C-alpha atoms as a PDB file:
ATOM      1  CA  UNK A   1       4.446  -9.131  -0.811  1.00  0.00           C
ATOM      2  CA  UNK A   2       4.549 -12.954  -1.010  1.00  0.00           C
ATOM      3  CA  UNK A   3       1.083 -12.768  -2.720  1.00  0.00           C
ATOM      4  CA  UNK A   4       1.669  -9.964  -4.621  1.00  0.00           C
ATOM      5  CA  UNK A   5       4.697 -12.239  -6.398  1.00  0.00           C
ATOM      6  CA  UNK A   6       2.228 -14.622  -7.553  1.00  0.00           C
ATOM      7  CA  UNK A   7       0.855 -12.049 -10.315  1.00  0.00           C
ATOM      8  CA  UNK A   8       2.609 -11.061 -13.135  1.00  0.00           C
ATOM      9  CA  UNK A   9       3.659  -7.791 -11.727  1.00  0.00           C
ATOM     10  CA  UNK A  10       7.186  -6.300 -12.827  1.00  0.00           C
ATOM     11  CA  UNK A  11       8.355  -5.513  -9.673  1.00  0.00           C
ATOM     12  CA  UNK A  12       6.635  -5.398  -5.921  1.00  0.00           C
ATOM     13  CA  UNK A  13       7.768  -2.919  -3.034  1.00  0.00           C
ATOM     14  CA  UNK A  14       7.545  -3.171   0.804  1.00  0.00           C
ATOM     15  CA  UNK A  15       7.858   0.366   2.677  1.00  0.00           C
ATOM     16  CA  UNK A  16       8.771  -0.484   6.674  1.00  0.00           C
ATOM     17  CA  UNK A  17       9.893   1.904   9.201  1.00  0.00           C
ATOM     18  CA  UNK A  18      11.328  -1.120  11.423  1.00  0.00           C
ATOM     19  CA  UNK A  19      15.180  -1.721  10.364  1.00  0.00           C
ATOM     20  CA  UNK A  20      14.436  -4.793  12.199  1.00  0.00           C
ATOM     21  CA  UNK A  21      11.133  -5.577   9.961  1.00  0.00           C
ATOM     22  CA  UNK A  22      12.552  -4.816   6.745  1.00  0.00           C
ATOM     23  CA  UNK A  23      15.816  -7.156   7.688  1.00  0.00           C
ATOM     24  CA  UNK A  24      12.886 -10.247   8.258  1.00  0.00           C
ATOM     25  CA  UNK A  25      11.045  -9.277   5.009  1.00  0.00           C
ATOM     26  CA  UNK A  26      14.097  -9.635   3.278  1.00  0.00           C
ATOM     27  CA  UNK A  27      15.377 -12.651   4.686  1.00  0.00           C
ATOM     28  CA  UNK A  28      11.894 -14.522   4.372  1.00  0.00           C
ATOM     29  CA  UNK A  29      11.814 -13.255   0.406  1.00  0.00           C
ATOM     30  CA  UNK A  30      14.803 -14.531  -0.222  1.00  0.00           C
ATOM     31  CA  UNK A  31      13.790 -17.939   1.129  1.00  0.00           C
ATOM     32  CA  UNK A  32      10.802 -17.998  -0.499  1.00  0.00           C
ATOM     33  CA  UNK A  33      12.859 -17.595  -3.730  1.00  0.00           C
ATOM     34  CA  UNK A  34      11.385 -14.363  -4.658  1.00  0.00           C
ATOM     35  CA  UNK A  35      13.348 -11.887  -6.628  1.00  0.00           C
ATOM     36  CA  UNK A  36      11.082  -8.991  -8.443  1.00  0.00           C
ATOM     37  CA  UNK A  37      10.681  -6.968  -5.188  1.00  0.00           C
ATOM     38  CA  UNK A  38      12.113  -4.051  -3.291  1.00  0.00           C
ATOM     39  CA  UNK A  39      12.062  -3.526   0.564  1.00  0.00           C
ATOM     40  CA  UNK A  40      12.104   0.394   1.458  1.00  0.00           C
ATOM     41  CA  UNK A  41      13.230   0.659   5.148  1.00  0.00           C
ATOM     42  CA  UNK A  42      11.641   4.378   5.183  1.00  0.00           C
ATOM     43  CA  UNK A  43       8.519   6.054   6.634  1.00  0.00           C
ATOM     44  CA  UNK A  44       5.656   5.885   4.656  1.00  0.00           C
ATOM     45  CA  UNK A  45       4.661   9.466   4.933  1.00  0.00           C
ATOM     46  CA  UNK A  46       7.268  10.819   3.000  1.00  0.00           C
ATOM     47  CA  UNK A  47       8.037   7.762   0.940  1.00  0.00           C
ATOM     48  CA  UNK A  48       8.793   9.526  -2.574  1.00  0.00           C
ATOM     49  CA  UNK A  49       8.748   6.070  -4.832  1.00  0.00           C
ATOM     50  CA  UNK A  50       4.560   5.849  -4.802  1.00  0.00           C
ATOM     51  CA  UNK A  51       4.117   6.762  -8.170  1.00  0.00           C
ATOM     52  CA  UNK A  52       6.153   3.448  -9.347  1.00  0.00           C
ATOM     53  CA  UNK A  53       3.729   0.990  -8.299  1.00  0.00           C
ATOM     54  CA  UNK A  54       0.152   1.074  -9.388  1.00  0.00           C
ATOM     55  CA  UNK A  55      -1.258  -1.676  -6.281  1.00  0.00           C
ATOM     56  CA  UNK A  56      -0.958  -0.401  -2.765  1.00  0.00           C
ATOM     57  CA  UNK A  57      -1.625  -3.249   0.223  1.00  0.00           C
ATOM     58  CA  UNK A  58      -2.162  -2.154   3.254  1.00  0.00           C
ATOM     59  CA  UNK A  59      -3.113  -4.438   6.666  1.00  0.00           C
ATOM     60  CA  UNK A  60      -3.996  -2.008   8.896  1.00  0.00           C
ATOM     61  CA  UNK A  61      -0.606  -0.379   9.059  1.00  0.00           C
ATOM     62  CA  UNK A  62      -1.440   2.679  10.844  1.00  0.00           C
ATOM     63  CA  UNK A  63      -3.203   4.996  13.299  1.00  0.00           C
ATOM     64  CA  UNK A  64      -5.347   7.739  11.882  1.00  0.00           C
ATOM     65  CA  UNK A  65      -2.892  10.204  11.713  1.00  0.00           C
ATOM     66  CA  UNK A  66      -0.313   8.808  10.108  1.00  0.00           C
ATOM     67  CA  UNK A  67      -3.003   6.916   7.803  1.00  0.00           C
ATOM     68  CA  UNK A  68      -3.708  10.732   6.851  1.00  0.00           C
ATOM     69  CA  UNK A  69      -0.256  11.709   6.193  1.00  0.00           C
ATOM     70  CA  UNK A  70       0.107   8.686   3.934  1.00  0.00           C
ATOM     71  CA  UNK A  71      -2.893   9.086   1.671  1.00  0.00           C
ATOM     72  CA  UNK A  72      -1.452  13.100   1.810  1.00  0.00           C
ATOM     73  CA  UNK A  73       1.743  11.905   0.783  1.00  0.00           C
ATOM     74  CA  UNK A  74       0.212   9.933  -2.145  1.00  0.00           C
ATOM     75  CA  UNK A  75      -1.915  12.940  -3.485  1.00  0.00           C
ATOM     76  CA  UNK A  76       1.404  14.622  -3.169  1.00  0.00           C
ATOM     77  CA  UNK A  77       2.941  12.495  -5.865  1.00  0.00           C
ATOM     78  CA  UNK A  78       0.545  13.931  -8.220  1.00  0.00           C
ATOM     79  CA  UNK A  79      -0.076  10.726  -9.986  1.00  0.00           C
ATOM     80  CA  UNK A  80      -3.351  12.054 -11.487  1.00  0.00           C
ATOM     81  CA  UNK A  81      -1.900  10.506 -15.386  1.00  0.00           C
ATOM     82  CA  UNK A  82      -2.265   6.471 -14.144  1.00  0.00           C
ATOM     83  CA  UNK A  83      -4.183   4.690 -12.192  1.00  0.00           C
ATOM     84  CA  UNK A  84      -3.591   3.718  -8.461  1.00  0.00           C
ATOM     85  CA  UNK A  85      -5.643   1.348  -6.342  1.00  0.00           C
ATOM     86  CA  UNK A  86      -5.344   0.943  -2.880  1.00  0.00           C
ATOM     87  CA  UNK A  87      -6.492  -2.587  -1.105  1.00  0.00           C
ATOM     88  CA  UNK A  88      -7.138  -1.876   2.430  1.00  0.00           C
ATOM     89  CA  UNK A  89      -7.324  -5.299   4.834  1.00  0.00           C
ATOM     90  CA  UNK A  90      -9.030  -4.144   8.088  1.00  0.00           C
ATOM     91  CA  UNK A  91      -9.814  -0.470   7.135  1.00  0.00           C
ATOM     92  CA  UNK A  92     -10.240   1.131  10.492  1.00  0.00           C
ATOM     93  CA  UNK A  93      -8.850   4.489   8.837  1.00  0.00           C
ATOM     94  CA  UNK A  94     -11.629   4.186   6.202  1.00  0.00           C
ATOM     95  CA  UNK A  95     -12.634   7.936   6.367  1.00  0.00           C
ATOM     96  CA  UNK A  96      -8.883   8.851   6.399  1.00  0.00           C
ATOM     97  CA  UNK A  97      -8.719   7.269   2.713  1.00  0.00           C
ATOM     98  CA  UNK A  98     -11.716   8.817   1.829  1.00  0.00           C
ATOM     99  CA  UNK A  99     -11.042  12.342   3.496  1.00  0.00           C
ATOM    100  CA  UNK A 100      -8.197  13.458   0.899  1.00  0.00           C
ATOM    101  CA  UNK A 101     -11.074  13.341  -1.777  1.00  0.00           C
ATOM    102  CA  UNK A 102      -8.665  11.744  -4.187  1.00  0.00           C
ATOM    103  CA  UNK A 103      -9.621   8.130  -3.620  1.00  0.00           C
ATOM    104  CA  UNK A 104     -12.872   6.564  -4.235  1.00  0.00           C
ATOM    105  CA  UNK A 105     -14.290   3.434  -2.689  1.00  0.00           C
ATOM    106  CA  UNK A 106     -14.551   1.251  -5.397  1.00  0.00           C
ATOM    107  CA  UNK A 107     -15.467  -2.481  -3.871  1.00  0.00           C
ATOM    108  CA  UNK A 108     -15.622  -4.354  -0.289  1.00  0.00           C
ATOM    109  CA  UNK A 109     -15.017  -8.034   0.474  1.00  0.00           C
ATOM    110  CA  UNK A 110     -15.868 -10.247   3.527  1.00  0.00           C
ATOM    111  CA  UNK A 111     -12.803 -12.023   4.704  1.00  0.00           C
ATOM    112  CA  UNK A 112     -12.528 -14.625   7.304  1.00  0.00           C
ATOM    113  CA  UNK A 113     -12.376 -12.312  10.208  1.00  0.00           C
ATOM    114  CA  UNK A 114     -11.856  -8.748   8.484  1.00  0.00           C
ATOM    115  CA  UNK A 115     -12.782  -6.711   5.448  1.00  0.00           C
ATOM    116  CA  UNK A 116     -11.208  -5.576   2.424  1.00  0.00           C
ATOM    117  CA  UNK A 117     -12.079  -2.430   0.626  1.00  0.00           C
ATOM    118  CA  UNK A 118     -10.914  -1.372  -2.565  1.00  0.00           C
ATOM    119  CA  UNK A 119     -10.160   2.362  -3.862  1.00  0.00           C
ATOM    120  CA  UNK A 120      -9.286   3.983  -6.991  1.00  0.00           C
ATOM    121  CA  UNK A 121      -7.938   7.383  -7.628  1.00  0.00           C
ATOM    122  CA  UNK A 122     -10.885   9.815  -8.991  1.00  0.00           C
ATOM    123  CA  UNK A 123      -8.958  10.693 -11.768  1.00  0.00           C
ATOM    124  CA  UNK A 124      -9.587   7.055 -13.697  1.00  0.00           C
END
């Protein structure tokens, strides 16, 4: 979220199921004087505000079963009228992102220790 805050996004958001980690993130962002954010202390599989965002960044956040549920939830949000980009660092659940048929792999980048995959929704 700190990196995203350096770009001209109107708002940035983070979804974290752990209340403790949500509070730590809030405190860290306040210390950095970042103001255009929202932390959602929620389960990503049922989060209902994905349509508010165009870019979704994930750093190896979930096991396969959860990733499948998150992708299903994204598709269920029916955000076909706008471009959605997923930036996935250390993409161990690549097949799960691709499996719904909604997202396609747009590009790959080599990181220092792991790769980044960028997915775009097929509608755009």
